[in-house]
Amino acid sequence: MFKTYDVLAERVLDGAVLDRAEALEVLATPDHEVLDLVAAAGRVRRAHFANLVKVNYLVNLKSGLCPEDCGYCSQRLGSDADVLKYSWLSTADAVRQAGAGIAGGASRVCLVSSGRGPGDRDVERVASIVGALRTEHPDVEVCACLGLLQDGQAERLAEAGVDAYNHNLNTAESNYDAICSTHTYADRVDTVEKARAAGLSPCSGLIVGMGETDDQLVDALFALRDIGSDSVPVNFLMPFDGTPLAGTWELDPLRCLRILALARLVCPATEVRMAGGREMHLRSLQPLALHVANSLFLGDYLTSEGQAAKDDLQMIADNGFAVLGADTEGRAPDPVAIRRRGAGTTDAPNA
């Protein structure tokens, strides 16, 4: 137990490791104290990352028709979600899509494909894309997310110029059977370990709002700390129609802030990313989340649309942060909108 959130933050900055009781207490923060929690976690964030925000950009190389049955995923086996389905993008298309994100300020591009895991031919296809991408954008970081890896594949990706590999643990081991039956939690851990052993930076995070208990959420974050994930994407469940978790709405903005603050305090020097679902669950509190997380995805996600990229960049600037590796400024304010509706007109008011 701790006396105040500031005391807890000070202990973390001094090298203390959160225990389970403290982590559960953070998740139980009363609504009226959430701003105090954010301020304390924000001290830890700024101590390690100053005022910088890392901007990441997703390119979905192959969408839909996945043979795995992950209950949260719109691309899963048996999904009726009305999402885009296509086979591999050409190298030129992939590089063009990545270039759009880089032009918007992204310093890392995440190359993602649906499926259980890549065959060796798929790895070579991705290696070719990475080579072409690095020719045009030599300074960009490249993260691959291709599913479960076989022996030797992580080494080949590293040789091709991939910097990081994303494979999320998603939830606690005790909750994994409830969300997926076609592979195991241990399979996911094995892929993260393969990536690290090959010299790739391990990127592994979680999805919250899938029916997990507070204890399971703590288990998941402790596992990510123990596995040594260099970046932790925190995804907020998007309950797509046509999936088993459709209609699951367990999160609210304050709950999301508590979870992000806990991620920061459990993994103080780790990149914490507010990822998929932030717009629908954090809503108007997204700017506050930036004071805890130091990373986000720009624009759209794999199968869903995100906040307009210009609004993301404006949010970063408005909150006193700067995009890592980019010389960007907030956009010029929009001109005053003259009222043409409501009183004195025949048009409906803005109410």
Protein backbone atom coordinates (compact mmCIF):
# COMPACT_ATOMS: atom_id res chain seq x y z
CA MET A 1 0.00 0.00 0.00
CA PHE A 2 1.10 3.57 -0.56
CA LYS A 3 0.23 6.90 1.05
CA THR A 4 -0.22 9.05 -2.07
CA TYR A 5 0.23 8.65 -5.82
CA ASP A 6 3.17 11.04 -5.66
CA VAL A 7 4.87 8.82 -3.10
CA LEU A 8 4.28 5.84 -5.37
CA ALA A 9 5.72 7.68 -8.37
CA GLU A 10 8.76 8.71 -6.34
CA ARG A 11 9.37 5.11 -5.32
CA VAL A 12 9.10 3.96 -8.94
CA LEU A 13 11.54 6.66 -10.04
CA ASP A 14 13.91 5.41 -7.33
CA GLY A 15 13.77 1.92 -8.83
CA ALA A 16 11.05 0.25 -6.79
CA VAL A 17 8.90 -2.41 -8.46
CA LEU A 18 5.13 -2.33 -7.99
CA ASP A 19 3.70 -5.29 -6.11
CA ARG A 20 0.27 -6.80 -6.68
CA ALA A 21 -1.45 -4.96 -3.83
CA GLU A 22 -0.21 -1.61 -5.13
CA ALA A 23 -1.22 -2.43 -8.71
CA LEU A 24 -4.72 -3.40 -7.64
CA GLU A 25 -4.97 -0.20 -5.60
CA VAL A 26 -4.11 1.83 -8.71
CA LEU A 27 -6.92 0.11 -10.63
CA ALA A 28 -9.29 0.92 -7.76
CA THR A 29 -8.47 4.65 -7.80
CA PRO A 30 -11.66 6.62 -7.04
CA ASP A 31 -12.95 8.77 -9.88
CA HIS A 32 -12.18 12.00 -8.02
CA GLU A 33 -8.51 10.97 -7.65
CA VAL A 34 -7.83 9.90 -11.24
CA LEU A 35 -6.28 13.27 -12.12
CA ASP A 36 -3.88 12.88 -9.18
CA LEU A 37 -2.95 9.42 -10.47
CA VAL A 38 -2.38 10.76 -14.00
CA ALA A 39 -0.20 13.57 -12.67
CA ALA A 40 1.93 11.12 -10.68
CA ALA A 41 2.29 8.67 -13.57
CA GLY A 42 3.03 11.65 -15.81
CA ARG A 43 6.08 12.47 -13.67
CA VAL A 44 7.43 9.00 -14.44
CA ARG A 45 6.63 9.39 -18.13
CA ARG A 46 8.43 12.71 -18.40
CA ALA A 47 11.44 11.47 -16.43
CA HIS A 48 12.04 8.82 -19.08
CA PHE A 49 10.63 10.39 -22.26
CA ALA A 50 10.55 14.15 -21.63
CA ASN A 51 7.88 15.80 -23.81
CA LEU A 52 8.27 13.45 -26.76
CA VAL A 53 5.60 11.29 -28.39
CA LYS A 54 6.55 8.43 -30.68
CA VAL A 55 4.23 8.21 -33.68
CA ASN A 56 3.69 4.81 -35.26
CA TYR A 57 1.89 3.94 -38.49
CA LEU A 58 0.21 0.64 -39.40
CA VAL A 59 0.24 -0.91 -42.87
CA ASN A 60 -2.05 -3.93 -43.19
CA LEU A 61 -0.21 -6.03 -45.77
CA LYS A 62 -2.81 -8.82 -45.87
CA SER A 63 -6.30 -8.41 -44.44
CA GLY A 64 -8.94 -10.87 -43.30
CA LEU A 65 -9.47 -14.61 -43.77
CA CYS A 66 -7.36 -15.63 -40.78
CA PRO A 67 -7.60 -19.29 -39.66
CA GLU A 68 -7.25 -18.41 -35.96
CA ASP A 69 -10.33 -17.91 -33.78
CA CYS A 70 -9.25 -15.02 -31.51
CA GLY A 71 -12.58 -13.78 -30.20
CA TYR A 72 -11.70 -10.09 -30.31
CA CYS A 73 -10.52 -10.00 -33.92
CA SER A 74 -12.54 -8.87 -36.93
CA GLN A 75 -10.29 -10.97 -39.19
CA ARG A 76 -10.84 -14.22 -37.24
CA LEU A 77 -12.07 -17.55 -38.49
CA GLY A 78 -15.84 -17.29 -38.87
CA SER A 79 -15.98 -13.50 -38.51
CA ASP A 80 -18.99 -11.83 -40.11
CA ALA A 81 -17.48 -8.38 -39.62
CA ASP A 82 -17.73 -6.35 -42.82
CA VAL A 83 -14.00 -5.59 -43.08
CA LEU A 84 -11.69 -5.36 -46.05
CA LYS A 85 -10.34 -8.72 -47.23
CA TYR A 86 -7.37 -8.85 -49.59
CA SER A 87 -4.20 -10.81 -50.18
CA TRP A 88 -0.70 -9.40 -50.01
CA LEU A 89 -0.13 -5.81 -51.09
CA SER A 90 2.49 -5.36 -53.77
CA THR A 91 5.82 -3.99 -52.63
CA ALA A 92 5.09 -0.69 -54.35
CA ASP A 93 1.69 -0.35 -52.64
CA ALA A 94 3.12 -1.23 -49.25
CA VAL A 95 5.90 1.33 -49.57
CA ARG A 96 3.44 3.96 -50.77
CA GLN A 97 1.13 3.35 -47.80
CA ALA A 98 4.05 3.48 -45.38
CA GLY A 99 5.28 6.70 -46.96
CA ALA A 100 1.99 8.41 -46.15
CA GLY A 101 2.45 7.68 -42.46
CA ILE A 102 6.08 8.77 -42.51
CA ALA A 103 5.07 12.04 -44.17
CA GLY A 104 2.58 12.53 -41.34
CA GLY A 105 5.32 12.27 -38.71
CA ALA A 106 5.63 8.54 -38.03
CA SER A 107 9.10 7.36 -37.06
CA ARG A 108 8.09 3.70 -36.94
CA VAL A 109 6.13 1.74 -39.54
CA CYS A 110 4.42 -1.47 -38.45
CA LEU A 111 4.02 -4.01 -41.26
CA VAL A 112 1.18 -6.37 -40.32
CA SER A 113 -0.38 -9.42 -41.95
CA SER A 114 -3.29 -11.61 -40.91
CA GLY A 115 -2.81 -15.32 -40.39
CA ARG A 116 -1.48 -17.82 -37.87
CA GLY A 117 2.08 -17.11 -38.91
CA PRO A 118 4.21 -16.60 -42.00
CA GLY A 119 5.61 -19.26 -44.27
CA ASP A 120 9.19 -18.82 -45.41
CA ARG A 121 7.90 -17.42 -48.71
CA ASP A 122 5.92 -14.80 -46.76
CA VAL A 123 9.01 -13.84 -44.80
CA GLU A 124 10.89 -13.30 -48.06
CA ARG A 125 8.01 -11.18 -49.35
CA VAL A 126 8.19 -9.00 -46.25
CA ALA A 127 11.99 -8.84 -46.54
CA SER A 128 11.58 -7.45 -50.04
CA ILE A 129 9.11 -4.82 -48.82
CA VAL A 130 11.47 -3.83 -46.01
CA GLY A 131 14.36 -3.45 -48.46
CA ALA A 132 12.33 -1.19 -50.74
CA LEU A 133 11.03 0.81 -47.78
CA ARG A 134 14.52 1.39 -46.43
CA THR A 135 15.72 2.51 -49.86
CA GLU A 136 13.16 5.34 -49.82
CA HIS A 137 13.16 6.00 -46.07
CA PRO A 138 16.50 4.85 -44.62
CA ASP A 139 15.92 6.31 -41.15
CA VAL A 140 12.49 4.83 -40.43
CA GLU A 141 12.12 2.10 -37.81
CA VAL A 142 10.41 -1.03 -39.11
CA CYS A 143 8.32 -3.32 -36.93
CA ALA A 144 6.88 -6.56 -38.33
CA CYS A 145 3.76 -8.28 -36.99
CA LEU A 146 3.19 -11.51 -38.89
CA GLY A 147 1.93 -13.94 -36.26
CA LEU A 148 3.62 -16.96 -34.71
CA LEU A 149 7.22 -17.39 -35.85
CA GLN A 150 8.99 -20.59 -36.80
CA ASP A 151 12.66 -21.26 -36.14
CA GLY A 152 14.95 -19.06 -38.22
CA GLN A 153 12.30 -16.59 -39.35
CA ALA A 154 13.11 -13.92 -36.78
CA GLU A 155 16.76 -14.09 -37.83
CA ARG A 156 15.79 -13.63 -41.48
CA LEU A 157 13.66 -10.60 -40.64
CA ALA A 158 16.51 -9.06 -38.65
CA GLU A 159 18.87 -9.67 -41.57
CA ALA A 160 16.38 -7.93 -43.88
CA GLY A 161 16.45 -4.79 -41.75
CA VAL A 162 13.46 -5.24 -39.43
CA ASP A 163 14.05 -3.49 -36.10
CA ALA A 164 11.23 -4.84 -33.96
CA TYR A 165 8.66 -7.60 -33.86
CA ASN A 166 5.16 -7.18 -32.44
CA HIS A 167 3.30 -10.10 -30.95
CA ASN A 168 0.91 -9.23 -28.14
CA LEU A 169 0.31 -11.48 -25.15
CA ASN A 170 -3.15 -9.86 -25.17
CA THR A 171 -4.33 -11.02 -21.75
CA ALA A 172 -3.37 -13.06 -18.70
CA GLU A 173 -2.45 -16.70 -19.15
CA SER A 174 -5.43 -17.65 -16.98
CA ASN A 175 -7.78 -15.83 -19.35
CA TYR A 176 -6.29 -16.96 -22.65
CA ASP A 177 -8.48 -20.00 -23.24
CA ALA A 178 -11.53 -17.74 -22.98
CA ILE A 179 -10.49 -15.71 -26.01
CA CYS A 180 -8.71 -18.20 -28.28
CA SER A 181 -8.62 -21.97 -28.86
CA THR A 182 -6.44 -22.33 -31.97
CA HIS A 183 -3.16 -21.44 -30.27
CA THR A 184 -1.96 -20.98 -26.71
CA TYR A 185 -0.55 -18.28 -24.49
CA ALA A 186 2.70 -20.26 -24.47
CA ASP A 187 2.82 -20.04 -28.27
CA ARG A 188 2.74 -16.27 -28.00
CA VAL A 189 5.44 -16.16 -25.36
CA ASP A 190 7.60 -18.39 -27.56
CA THR A 191 7.33 -15.97 -30.49
CA VAL A 192 8.28 -12.98 -28.33
CA GLU A 193 11.30 -14.91 -27.10
CA LYS A 194 12.28 -15.91 -30.65
CA ALA A 195 12.17 -12.25 -31.67
CA ARG A 196 14.36 -11.13 -28.79
CA ALA A 197 16.86 -13.94 -29.35
CA ALA A 198 17.26 -12.82 -32.96
CA GLY A 199 18.08 -9.27 -31.90
CA LEU A 200 14.67 -7.81 -32.72
CA SER A 201 13.18 -5.38 -30.22
CA PRO A 202 10.23 -7.21 -28.63
CA CYS A 203 6.97 -5.27 -28.86
CA SER A 204 4.20 -6.95 -26.90
CA GLY A 205 1.10 -5.57 -25.29
CA LEU A 206 -2.46 -6.35 -24.35
CA ILE A 207 -6.12 -5.82 -25.14
CA VAL A 208 -8.30 -4.63 -22.28
CA GLY A 209 -12.06 -4.81 -21.91
CA MET A 210 -12.43 -8.52 -22.81
CA GLY A 211 -13.93 -9.66 -19.52
CA GLU A 212 -10.65 -9.88 -17.63
CA THR A 213 -10.63 -9.32 -13.87
CA ASP A 214 -8.39 -6.77 -12.21
CA ASP A 215 -6.16 -9.60 -11.03
CA GLN A 216 -5.84 -10.88 -14.61
CA LEU A 217 -5.06 -7.40 -15.88
CA VAL A 218 -2.29 -7.13 -13.29
CA ASP A 219 -1.05 -10.59 -14.29
CA ALA A 220 -0.86 -9.51 -17.94
CA LEU A 221 1.09 -6.33 -17.19
CA PHE A 222 3.47 -8.14 -14.83
CA ALA A 223 4.05 -10.76 -17.54
CA LEU A 224 4.90 -8.03 -20.05
CA ARG A 225 7.32 -6.53 -17.54
CA ASP A 226 8.91 -9.91 -16.90
CA ILE A 227 9.19 -10.83 -20.58
CA GLY A 228 11.08 -7.58 -21.19
CA SER A 229 8.82 -6.01 -23.80
CA ASP A 230 10.47 -2.84 -25.11
CA SER A 231 7.14 -1.32 -26.08
CA VAL A 232 3.70 -2.09 -24.68
CA PRO A 233 0.72 -1.26 -26.90
CA VAL A 234 -2.43 -0.98 -24.81
CA ASN A 235 -5.41 -1.78 -27.04
CA PHE A 236 -8.97 -1.12 -25.92
CA LEU A 237 -11.41 -3.72 -27.21
CA MET A 238 -13.28 -2.67 -30.33
CA PRO A 239 -16.30 -4.99 -30.20
CA PHE A 240 -16.83 -5.57 -33.92
CA ASP A 241 -20.24 -6.82 -35.01
CA GLY A 242 -19.87 -10.36 -36.28
CA THR A 243 -17.35 -11.43 -33.61
CA PRO A 244 -17.94 -13.27 -30.31
CA LEU A 245 -17.19 -10.12 -28.31
CA ALA A 246 -19.66 -7.94 -30.20
CA GLY A 247 -21.61 -5.78 -27.77
CA THR A 248 -18.94 -6.01 -25.04
CA TRP A 249 -18.63 -2.54 -23.52
CA GLU A 250 -16.74 -2.75 -20.22
CA LEU A 251 -14.57 0.35 -20.47
CA ASP A 252 -15.05 4.04 -19.80
CA PRO A 253 -12.55 6.89 -20.12
CA LEU A 254 -11.53 6.92 -16.45
CA ARG A 255 -11.01 3.15 -16.42
CA CYS A 256 -8.78 3.51 -19.49
CA LEU A 257 -6.71 6.20 -17.76
CA ARG A 258 -6.25 3.96 -14.71
CA ILE A 259 -5.04 1.12 -16.94
CA LEU A 260 -2.59 3.33 -18.82
CA ALA A 261 -1.28 4.79 -15.57
CA LEU A 262 -0.76 1.29 -14.20
CA ALA A 263 1.10 0.28 -17.37
CA ARG A 264 3.39 3.28 -16.92
CA LEU A 265 4.06 2.53 -13.25
CA VAL A 266 4.64 -1.19 -13.87
CA CYS A 267 6.89 -0.52 -16.89
CA PRO A 268 8.29 2.96 -16.13
CA ALA A 269 11.01 3.14 -18.79
CA THR A 270 9.08 1.24 -21.47
CA GLU A 271 7.33 2.78 -24.43
CA VAL A 272 3.63 2.68 -23.55
CA ARG A 273 1.36 3.14 -26.55
CA MET A 274 -2.30 4.05 -26.49
CA ALA A 275 -3.38 1.90 -29.39
CA GLY A 276 -6.53 0.59 -31.04
CA GLY A 277 -9.84 1.71 -29.61
CA ARG A 278 -8.49 4.81 -27.89
CA GLU A 279 -10.88 7.08 -29.77
CA MET A 280 -14.04 5.20 -28.78
CA HIS A 281 -13.08 4.48 -25.16
CA LEU A 282 -10.92 7.41 -24.01
CA ARG A 283 -12.99 9.82 -26.08
CA SER A 284 -12.50 13.40 -24.83
CA LEU A 285 -9.85 12.23 -22.35
CA GLN A 286 -7.37 11.21 -25.05
CA PRO A 287 -5.25 14.32 -24.37
CA LEU A 288 -4.92 13.36 -20.70
CA ALA A 289 -3.74 9.91 -21.75
CA LEU A 290 -0.79 11.51 -23.55
CA HIS A 291 0.50 12.60 -20.18
CA VAL A 292 0.90 8.92 -19.28
CA ALA A 293 1.52 7.16 -22.60
CA ASN A 294 4.39 8.31 -24.81
CA SER A 295 3.35 6.66 -28.06
CA LEU A 296 0.35 6.29 -30.36
CA PHE A 297 -0.72 5.02 -33.75
CA LEU A 298 -1.38 7.71 -36.33
CA GLY A 299 -4.55 7.52 -38.39
CA ASP A 300 -6.27 4.24 -39.17
CA TYR A 301 -5.85 0.76 -37.72
CA LEU A 302 -5.90 -2.66 -39.38
CA THR A 303 -9.61 -2.92 -40.13
CA SER A 304 -11.11 0.18 -38.50
CA GLU A 305 -10.76 3.89 -39.02
CA GLY A 306 -8.99 6.04 -36.47
CA GLN A 307 -8.99 9.72 -35.63
CA ALA A 308 -7.90 12.04 -38.42
CA ALA A 309 -4.11 12.21 -38.49
CA LYS A 310 -4.09 16.01 -38.40
CA ASP A 311 -6.18 15.89 -35.24
CA ASP A 312 -3.72 13.47 -33.64
CA LEU A 313 -0.83 15.79 -34.42
CA GLN A 314 -2.77 18.81 -33.17
CA MET A 315 -3.61 16.98 -29.94
CA ILE A 316 0.08 16.27 -29.40
CA ALA A 317 1.05 19.91 -29.97
CA ASP A 318 -1.82 21.34 -27.92
CA ASN A 319 -0.70 19.32 -24.90
CA GLY A 320 2.86 20.63 -25.00
CA PHE A 321 4.38 17.53 -26.55
CA ALA A 322 6.53 17.11 -29.64
CA VAL A 323 6.64 14.30 -32.18
CA LEU A 324 9.80 12.23 -31.78
CA GLY A 325 12.16 12.71 -34.71
CA ALA A 326 10.01 15.21 -36.56
CA ASP A 327 10.10 18.97 -36.96
CA THR A 328 6.35 19.50 -36.80
CA GLU A 329 4.14 22.22 -35.42
CA GLY A 330 0.44 22.35 -34.71
CA ARG A 331 -1.71 23.24 -37.70
CA ALA A 332 -3.00 26.78 -38.07
CA PRO A 333 -6.32 27.32 -36.30
CA ASP A 334 -9.44 26.99 -38.39
CA PRO A 335 -11.17 30.29 -39.20
CA VAL A 336 -14.12 31.30 -37.07
CA ALA A 337 -17.22 29.46 -38.27
CA ILE A 338 -20.04 31.95 -38.84
CA ARG A 339 -23.35 30.68 -37.49
CA ARG A 340 -25.86 29.88 -40.24
CA ARG A 341 -28.32 27.79 -38.21
CA GLY A 342 -30.63 28.16 -35.23
CA ALA A 343 -32.10 31.48 -34.12
CA GLY A 344 -32.88 33.83 -36.99
CA THR A 345 -32.72 31.04 -39.59
CA THR A 346 -34.91 28.21 -40.80
CA ASP A 347 -32.21 25.61 -40.09
CA ALA A 348 -32.13 23.44 -36.98
CA PRO A 349 -29.92 24.67 -34.11
CA ASN A 350 -26.72 22.91 -33.07
CA ALA A 351 -28.24 21.29 -30.01
